[in-house]
Amino acid sequence: MKNLGTETAFEVLAKAKALEKQGKDVVHLEIGEPDFDTPRNIKDAAIKALNSGYTHYTPSAGIPELRQTIADYISKTRKLEVKPEEVVVTPGAKPIMFFSLLALVNPGEEVLYPNPGFPIYESMINFVGAKAVPIPLKEENDFSLDTEYVKKKITKKTKMIILNSPENPTGGVATREQLKAVADCIRDRDDVLVLSDEIYSRIVYEGKHESITQFAGMKDKTILLDGFSKTYAMTGWRLGYGVMRKDLAEKVAQLMTNSNSCTCTFTQWAGVEALTGPQNEPERMDAEFRKRRDMIVPGLNNIKGITCKIPHGAFYVFPNITGTGMDSRKLGDHLLYNAGVAVLPGTSFGQFGEGYLRISFANSIENIKKALDRIEKAVKKH
């Protein structure tokens, strides 16, 4: 248990809530969830399912209707031929990380993962006794994938490469050329698999989402992770999925049987509606995220001591704060307790996050403006 890490966002959220109970006004830019409500048609589908008696166990891998819907969706969006038996539905997308590492990685083997990156990657790699090998995402490369570095770090012990694009916390996006370079490195290595975290695939601001599964031979070497939380503002519904080879899907479903039994039944019916129903609400959310991005980036760049790159996906900015003279954690605490702005230190996402903050712009423009004003005053005062 000593090897198991945590997700700092929930710790900062708890601190912020405690301050609010004391009467302090806090602008929440720490938690990675849309501030929009789940679209009405999706909620209605869940209510209909509840009233129709869909309140019992389902197969561990998910109801056939949702597995087919996901297979059709991934086939269309990733230009692949996906069958429902290659889909496993889970309570949130995070179990796909958990189960993939449990099922495929042995103690002493190596896993490459992005750093700064989603903290659960490193936590789970350590938990299964494997060696976590960071892939530094550098500001000078627009926080994108350094494929030459990846090539150098692949060894005989490498078992898995974790990719995340668009990326949390930086908003970086991997290009087609970068993904192809990784695919070319491991195509002939039967013992190396890719866990491709594509949870932000629908929140891309320039160009289109690219997946490593598009390259020859990579569909069978990739576990594709996606879900409903970010695109459809369904974080609390806990609904995600993995797409993988049939033999792997059977093992992951077995882990589902041993841990969760199955994913909530009426939530799964809501997922069917999410993917097959009107898409105007997700599109509206994306347009609003773009407006917020285009406002928060110049706002941060106008604050002395802070510089900020433009993120190309997701709903985070990852500003460089070295010019303030404070490290990430100290500035994060200063902003929370003295300015009433909750953000995350870059070190919450790994060692290469020092010197940065992660700020979520999944909040209203009004609140973001308030936060920018408070940040500027707090930095100037320091």
Protein backbone atom coordinates (compact mmCIF):
# COMPACT_ATOMS: atom_id res chain seq x y z
CA MET A 1 0.00 0.00 0.00
CA LYS A 2 2.99 2.31 0.48
CA ASN A 3 3.48 2.25 -3.30
CA LEU A 4 -0.03 3.53 -3.99
CA GLY A 5 -0.27 7.23 -4.82
CA THR A 6 -3.26 9.55 -4.91
CA GLU A 7 -4.92 12.25 -6.99
CA THR A 8 -4.15 15.65 -5.50
CA ALA A 9 -7.17 17.30 -7.13
CA PHE A 10 -9.46 15.66 -4.59
CA GLU A 11 -7.21 16.68 -1.70
CA VAL A 12 -7.18 20.34 -2.81
CA LEU A 13 -10.93 20.18 -3.38
CA ALA A 14 -11.40 19.02 0.22
CA LYS A 15 -9.23 21.88 1.51
CA ALA A 16 -11.17 24.38 -0.60
CA LYS A 17 -14.51 23.04 0.65
CA ALA A 18 -13.26 23.35 4.24
CA LEU A 19 -12.39 27.02 3.60
CA GLU A 20 -15.82 27.60 2.11
CA LYS A 21 -17.43 26.20 5.26
CA GLN A 22 -15.53 28.89 7.16
CA GLY A 23 -17.15 31.52 4.91
CA LYS A 24 -14.28 32.07 2.45
CA ASP A 25 -15.13 32.58 -1.23
CA VAL A 26 -13.10 30.14 -3.38
CA VAL A 27 -12.92 29.94 -7.17
CA HIS A 28 -12.56 26.27 -8.11
CA LEU A 29 -10.00 25.75 -10.87
CA GLU A 30 -8.54 22.55 -9.41
CA ILE A 31 -10.94 19.78 -10.34
CA GLY A 32 -10.97 18.24 -13.80
CA GLU A 33 -14.66 18.11 -14.59
CA PRO A 34 -16.98 20.14 -16.81
CA ASP A 35 -19.10 22.66 -14.94
CA PHE A 36 -22.04 21.93 -17.25
CA ASP A 37 -24.94 19.69 -16.34
CA THR A 38 -25.39 16.32 -18.05
CA PRO A 39 -27.55 16.85 -21.18
CA ARG A 40 -31.27 16.39 -20.59
CA ASN A 41 -31.73 13.56 -23.13
CA ILE A 42 -29.10 11.47 -21.32
CA LYS A 43 -30.73 11.99 -17.92
CA ASP A 44 -34.12 11.13 -19.39
CA ALA A 45 -32.71 7.89 -20.81
CA ALA A 46 -31.44 6.90 -17.35
CA ILE A 47 -34.80 7.76 -15.76
CA LYS A 48 -36.62 5.71 -18.40
CA ALA A 49 -34.29 2.78 -17.75
CA LEU A 50 -34.88 3.04 -14.00
CA ASN A 51 -38.64 3.10 -14.47
CA SER A 52 -38.39 0.16 -16.87
CA GLY A 53 -36.74 -2.03 -14.24
CA TYR A 54 -33.10 -1.86 -15.41
CA THR A 55 -31.83 -2.07 -11.83
CA HIS A 56 -30.26 -5.54 -11.77
CA TYR A 57 -26.98 -7.23 -12.61
CA THR A 58 -25.61 -7.16 -16.14
CA PRO A 59 -22.79 -9.13 -17.78
CA SER A 60 -19.45 -8.00 -16.34
CA ALA A 61 -18.28 -6.63 -19.70
CA GLY A 62 -21.41 -4.50 -20.10
CA ILE A 63 -24.88 -4.74 -21.60
CA PRO A 64 -24.78 -5.97 -25.23
CA GLU A 65 -26.53 -2.81 -26.45
CA LEU A 66 -23.86 -0.48 -25.07
CA ARG A 67 -20.97 -2.69 -26.17
CA GLN A 68 -22.38 -2.66 -29.71
CA THR A 69 -22.93 1.11 -29.58
CA ILE A 70 -19.34 1.69 -28.42
CA ALA A 71 -18.01 -0.68 -31.09
CA ASP A 72 -19.91 1.27 -33.75
CA TYR A 73 -18.73 4.62 -32.34
CA ILE A 74 -15.05 3.64 -32.20
CA SER A 75 -15.26 2.03 -35.64
CA LYS A 76 -16.56 5.31 -37.04
CA THR A 77 -14.35 7.77 -35.15
CA ARG A 78 -11.06 5.81 -35.27
CA LYS A 79 -11.66 4.25 -38.71
CA LEU A 80 -11.32 0.73 -37.29
CA GLU A 81 -13.37 -2.43 -37.41
CA VAL A 82 -14.34 -3.01 -33.77
CA LYS A 83 -16.57 -5.83 -32.56
CA PRO A 84 -18.65 -5.67 -29.35
CA GLU A 85 -16.69 -8.55 -27.82
CA GLU A 86 -13.62 -6.27 -27.96
CA VAL A 87 -15.31 -3.75 -25.64
CA VAL A 88 -15.38 -3.80 -21.82
CA VAL A 89 -17.58 -1.29 -19.99
CA THR A 90 -16.34 -0.15 -16.58
CA PRO A 91 -17.50 2.20 -13.77
CA GLY A 92 -15.50 5.15 -15.06
CA ALA A 93 -12.52 4.93 -17.40
CA LYS A 94 -9.97 4.72 -14.60
CA PRO A 95 -10.50 0.95 -14.02
CA ILE A 96 -9.18 0.33 -17.54
CA MET A 97 -5.80 1.71 -16.37
CA PHE A 98 -6.00 -0.36 -13.21
CA PHE A 99 -7.03 -3.60 -14.89
CA SER A 100 -4.62 -3.26 -17.83
CA LEU A 101 -1.61 -2.93 -15.55
CA LEU A 102 -2.81 -5.69 -13.23
CA ALA A 103 -3.43 -8.06 -16.14
CA LEU A 104 -0.36 -7.38 -18.24
CA VAL A 105 2.58 -6.06 -16.23
CA ASN A 106 4.73 -8.12 -13.88
CA PRO A 107 7.04 -6.93 -11.09
CA GLY A 108 10.35 -5.71 -12.46
CA GLU A 109 9.05 -4.96 -15.94
CA GLU A 110 9.07 -1.39 -17.29
CA VAL A 111 6.24 0.94 -18.26
CA LEU A 112 6.82 4.22 -20.08
CA TYR A 113 4.38 6.98 -19.16
CA PRO A 114 4.01 10.74 -19.72
CA ASN A 115 5.39 13.09 -17.04
CA PRO A 116 3.87 15.48 -16.16
CA GLY A 117 0.90 13.20 -16.56
CA PHE A 118 -2.22 11.89 -14.90
CA PRO A 119 -0.94 10.77 -11.46
CA ILE A 120 -2.71 7.41 -11.45
CA TYR A 121 -0.39 6.13 -14.21
CA GLU A 122 2.69 6.29 -11.99
CA SER A 123 0.74 5.22 -8.92
CA MET A 124 -0.52 2.02 -10.56
CA ILE A 125 2.82 1.19 -12.19
CA ASN A 126 4.45 1.34 -8.75
CA PHE A 127 1.57 -0.58 -7.17
CA VAL A 128 2.06 -3.63 -9.43
CA GLY A 129 5.80 -3.62 -8.67
CA ALA A 130 6.90 -2.47 -12.11
CA LYS A 131 9.44 0.25 -12.90
CA ALA A 132 7.93 3.60 -13.90
CA VAL A 133 9.94 5.17 -16.74
CA PRO A 134 8.88 8.80 -17.29
CA ILE A 135 8.61 10.39 -20.72
CA PRO A 136 9.27 14.11 -20.02
CA LEU A 137 6.81 16.45 -21.73
CA LYS A 138 8.67 19.72 -22.19
CA GLU A 139 7.31 23.22 -22.61
CA GLU A 140 9.74 23.96 -25.46
CA ASN A 141 8.13 21.07 -27.40
CA ASP A 142 4.62 22.39 -26.71
CA PHE A 143 4.30 19.58 -24.13
CA SER A 144 4.14 17.11 -27.00
CA LEU A 145 5.67 13.65 -27.38
CA ASP A 146 9.45 13.41 -27.84
CA THR A 147 9.59 10.27 -29.96
CA GLU A 148 13.39 10.13 -30.05
CA TYR A 149 13.41 10.01 -26.26
CA VAL A 150 10.77 7.24 -26.31
CA LYS A 151 12.90 5.19 -28.73
CA LYS A 152 15.92 5.46 -26.44
CA LYS A 153 13.93 4.37 -23.37
CA ILE A 154 12.44 1.20 -24.89
CA THR A 155 14.37 -1.80 -23.56
CA LYS A 156 13.99 -5.57 -23.34
CA LYS A 157 12.11 -5.04 -20.08
CA THR A 158 9.56 -2.62 -21.58
CA LYS A 159 6.09 -4.11 -21.32
CA MET A 160 3.78 -1.15 -21.88
CA ILE A 161 3.78 2.43 -23.17
CA ILE A 162 1.08 4.75 -21.84
CA LEU A 163 0.01 7.55 -24.16
CA ASN A 164 -2.43 10.35 -23.35
CA SER A 165 -3.61 12.75 -26.04
CA PRO A 166 -5.06 15.31 -25.56
CA GLU A 167 -3.05 15.34 -22.37
CA ASN A 168 -3.86 16.03 -18.75
CA PRO A 169 -2.42 18.31 -17.27
CA THR A 170 -0.74 20.20 -20.13
CA GLY A 171 -3.32 20.24 -22.91
CA GLY A 172 -0.63 18.93 -25.27
CA VAL A 173 -1.69 16.91 -28.32
CA ALA A 174 0.30 14.18 -30.07
CA THR A 175 0.58 14.55 -33.84
CA ARG A 176 0.00 11.81 -36.38
CA GLU A 177 3.74 11.77 -37.16
CA GLN A 178 4.67 11.34 -33.49
CA LEU A 179 2.23 8.49 -32.98
CA LYS A 180 3.44 6.78 -36.15
CA ALA A 181 7.03 7.00 -34.89
CA VAL A 182 6.04 5.22 -31.65
CA ALA A 183 4.09 2.61 -33.61
CA ASP A 184 7.10 1.95 -35.85
CA CYS A 185 9.27 1.39 -32.75
CA ILE A 186 7.17 -1.39 -31.28
CA ARG A 187 5.25 -2.93 -34.16
CA ASP A 188 7.53 -5.98 -34.21
CA ARG A 189 7.68 -6.32 -30.42
CA ASP A 190 4.93 -8.81 -29.53
CA ASP A 191 5.61 -8.29 -25.83
CA VAL A 192 4.99 -4.50 -25.80
CA LEU A 193 1.47 -3.06 -25.66
CA VAL A 194 0.13 0.50 -25.67
CA LEU A 195 -2.43 1.90 -23.25
CA SER A 196 -3.85 4.87 -25.18
CA ASP A 197 -5.80 7.19 -22.89
CA GLU A 198 -8.13 9.10 -25.22
CA ILE A 199 -10.62 10.38 -22.66
CA TYR A 200 -10.32 13.95 -24.08
CA SER A 201 -10.63 12.84 -27.72
CA ARG A 202 -13.68 15.04 -28.32
CA ILE A 203 -12.07 18.18 -26.85
CA VAL A 204 -9.55 19.18 -29.53
CA TYR A 205 -9.19 22.82 -30.58
CA GLU A 206 -6.93 22.61 -33.64
CA GLY A 207 -7.03 19.87 -36.24
CA LYS A 208 -8.51 16.49 -35.34
CA HIS A 209 -7.91 13.80 -32.78
CA GLU A 210 -5.29 11.24 -33.78
CA SER A 211 -5.09 7.72 -32.35
CA ILE A 212 -2.18 5.29 -32.53
CA THR A 213 -4.71 2.58 -33.42
CA GLN A 214 -4.86 3.94 -36.99
CA PHE A 215 -1.47 2.48 -37.93
CA ALA A 216 -0.92 -0.98 -39.35
CA GLY A 217 -0.76 -3.68 -36.69
CA MET A 218 -1.52 -1.32 -33.80
CA LYS A 219 -5.19 -2.14 -33.17
CA ASP A 220 -4.23 -5.51 -31.68
CA LYS A 221 -1.36 -3.95 -29.71
CA THR A 222 -3.43 -1.16 -28.15
CA ILE A 223 -5.86 -0.87 -25.27
CA LEU A 224 -7.91 2.21 -26.11
CA LEU A 225 -9.37 3.96 -23.06
CA ASP A 226 -12.30 6.36 -23.41
CA GLY A 227 -15.46 7.29 -21.55
CA PHE A 228 -18.35 9.66 -21.02
CA SER A 229 -17.18 11.89 -18.14
CA LYS A 230 -15.51 14.72 -20.03
CA THR A 231 -17.45 14.82 -23.31
CA TYR A 232 -20.92 14.54 -21.81
CA ALA A 233 -20.35 16.09 -18.36
CA MET A 234 -21.00 12.70 -16.73
CA THR A 235 -18.18 12.55 -14.17
CA GLY A 236 -20.45 11.35 -11.36
CA TRP A 237 -22.16 8.71 -13.47
CA ARG A 238 -18.99 6.58 -13.52
CA LEU A 239 -19.10 5.23 -17.05
CA GLY A 240 -16.07 4.39 -19.16
CA TYR A 241 -14.75 1.65 -21.39
CA GLY A 242 -11.77 -0.03 -22.95
CA VAL A 243 -11.41 -1.37 -26.50
CA MET A 244 -8.89 -4.16 -26.93
CA ARG A 245 -8.22 -7.58 -28.44
CA LYS A 246 -10.89 -10.14 -27.63
CA ASP A 247 -8.53 -12.28 -25.53
CA LEU A 248 -7.54 -9.25 -23.44
CA ALA A 249 -11.17 -8.15 -23.13
CA GLU A 250 -12.04 -11.52 -21.63
CA LYS A 251 -9.34 -11.11 -18.96
CA VAL A 252 -10.34 -7.54 -18.16
CA ALA A 253 -13.97 -8.65 -17.88
CA GLN A 254 -12.79 -11.33 -15.45
CA LEU A 255 -11.17 -8.61 -13.33
CA MET A 256 -14.50 -6.74 -13.46
CA THR A 257 -16.25 -9.86 -12.16
CA ASN A 258 -13.82 -10.10 -9.28
CA SER A 259 -14.01 -6.43 -8.33
CA ASN A 260 -17.19 -4.63 -9.37
CA SER A 261 -19.38 -7.44 -10.74
CA CYS A 262 -20.70 -5.00 -13.35
CA THR A 263 -21.24 -1.34 -14.19
CA CYS A 264 -24.49 0.33 -13.08
CA THR A 265 -27.24 -0.86 -15.42
CA PHE A 266 -29.31 2.27 -15.95
CA THR A 267 -26.10 4.31 -16.34
CA GLN A 268 -25.19 2.07 -19.27
CA TRP A 269 -28.50 2.82 -20.97
CA ALA A 270 -27.71 6.51 -20.52
CA GLY A 271 -24.44 5.79 -22.32
CA VAL A 272 -26.30 4.33 -25.29
CA GLU A 273 -28.31 7.56 -25.54
CA ALA A 274 -25.19 9.69 -25.14
CA LEU A 275 -23.49 8.15 -28.18
CA THR A 276 -26.56 7.75 -30.39
CA GLY A 277 -28.59 10.83 -29.42
CA PRO A 278 -28.17 14.50 -30.41
CA GLN A 279 -24.61 15.84 -30.14
CA ASN A 280 -25.46 19.54 -30.01
CA GLU A 281 -24.83 19.82 -26.25
CA PRO A 282 -21.29 18.36 -26.32
CA GLU A 283 -20.54 20.63 -29.28
CA ARG A 284 -21.84 23.64 -27.33
CA MET A 285 -19.64 22.71 -24.36
CA ASP A 286 -16.56 22.43 -26.60
CA ALA A 287 -17.25 25.84 -28.11
CA GLU A 288 -17.52 27.33 -24.62
CA PHE A 289 -14.26 25.66 -23.53
CA ARG A 290 -12.55 27.25 -26.54
CA LYS A 291 -13.83 30.71 -25.52
CA ARG A 292 -12.51 30.19 -22.01
CA ARG A 293 -9.13 28.97 -23.28
CA ASP A 294 -8.80 32.00 -25.51
CA MET A 295 -9.50 34.24 -22.52
CA ILE A 296 -7.45 32.57 -19.78
CA VAL A 297 -4.18 32.17 -21.74
CA PRO A 298 -3.63 35.89 -22.48
CA GLY A 299 -4.91 36.69 -18.98
CA LEU A 300 -2.17 34.54 -17.43
CA ASN A 301 0.47 35.90 -19.79
CA ASN A 302 -0.37 39.41 -18.60
CA ILE A 303 0.60 38.51 -15.03
CA LYS A 304 4.23 39.32 -14.23
CA GLY A 305 6.19 36.16 -13.44
CA ILE A 306 3.82 33.82 -15.31
CA THR A 307 3.95 32.58 -18.91
CA CYS A 308 1.46 30.22 -20.50
CA LYS A 309 1.40 28.12 -23.66
CA ILE A 310 -1.83 27.65 -25.59
CA PRO A 311 -3.28 24.15 -24.95
CA HIS A 312 -4.52 22.33 -28.05
CA GLY A 313 -6.92 19.99 -26.26
CA ALA A 314 -8.64 19.14 -22.95
CA PHE A 315 -9.66 21.98 -20.61
CA TYR A 316 -6.45 22.76 -18.74
CA VAL A 317 -3.65 25.30 -18.95
CA PHE A 318 -0.20 24.55 -17.54
CA PRO A 319 1.43 27.93 -16.91
CA ASN A 320 5.11 28.35 -16.09
CA ILE A 321 5.37 30.13 -12.73
CA THR A 322 9.15 30.14 -12.21
CA GLY A 323 9.21 33.91 -12.64
CA THR A 324 7.24 34.34 -9.40
CA GLY A 325 10.14 33.02 -7.32
CA MET A 326 7.93 30.39 -5.69
CA ASP A 327 7.85 26.65 -6.27
CA SER A 328 4.64 24.99 -7.45
CA ARG A 329 3.34 23.79 -4.11
CA LYS A 330 4.12 27.03 -2.28
CA LEU A 331 2.35 29.13 -4.92
CA GLY A 332 -0.61 26.73 -5.00
CA ASP A 333 -1.05 27.07 -1.23
CA HIS A 334 -0.55 30.85 -1.42
CA LEU A 335 -3.31 31.19 -4.01
CA LEU A 336 -5.72 28.94 -2.10
CA TYR A 337 -5.30 30.38 1.39
CA ASN A 338 -4.52 34.02 0.58
CA ALA A 339 -6.36 34.60 -2.70
CA GLY A 340 -9.24 32.12 -2.65
CA VAL A 341 -8.24 30.39 -5.90
CA ALA A 342 -7.92 26.60 -5.94
CA VAL A 343 -5.35 25.29 -8.43
CA LEU A 344 -3.01 22.30 -8.51
CA PRO A 345 0.80 22.37 -8.23
CA GLY A 346 2.49 20.91 -11.28
CA THR A 347 4.29 18.41 -9.05
CA SER A 348 0.94 16.67 -8.50
CA PHE A 349 1.54 15.29 -11.98
CA GLY A 350 5.13 14.15 -11.55
CA GLN A 351 8.64 15.41 -11.05
CA PHE A 352 8.72 17.29 -14.37
CA GLY A 353 5.75 19.37 -13.27
CA GLU A 354 7.85 21.52 -10.94
CA GLY A 355 7.69 25.16 -11.95
CA TYR A 356 4.12 24.90 -13.23
CA LEU A 357 0.51 24.99 -12.08
CA ARG A 358 -2.41 23.09 -13.54
CA ILE A 359 -5.43 25.33 -13.90
CA SER A 360 -8.74 23.95 -15.12
CA PHE A 361 -10.82 26.34 -17.20
CA ALA A 362 -13.92 24.17 -16.76
CA ASN A 363 -15.56 27.09 -14.98
CA SER A 364 -17.51 30.15 -16.09
CA ILE A 365 -15.83 33.09 -17.80
CA GLU A 366 -17.02 35.27 -14.90
CA ASN A 367 -15.26 33.04 -12.36
CA ILE A 368 -12.13 32.76 -14.49
CA LYS A 369 -11.91 36.57 -14.70
CA LYS A 370 -12.31 36.76 -10.93
CA ALA A 371 -9.57 34.15 -10.48
CA LEU A 372 -7.17 35.94 -12.85
CA ASP A 373 -7.64 39.18 -10.93
CA ARG A 374 -6.99 37.42 -7.62
CA ILE A 375 -3.93 35.58 -8.96
CA GLU A 376 -2.42 38.82 -10.31
CA LYS A 377 -2.90 40.60 -6.99
CA ALA A 378 -1.55 37.66 -4.97
CA VAL A 379 1.57 37.31 -7.15
CA LYS A 380 2.18 41.09 -7.09
CA LYS A 381 1.77 41.16 -3.30
CA HIS A 382 4.28 38.32 -2.90
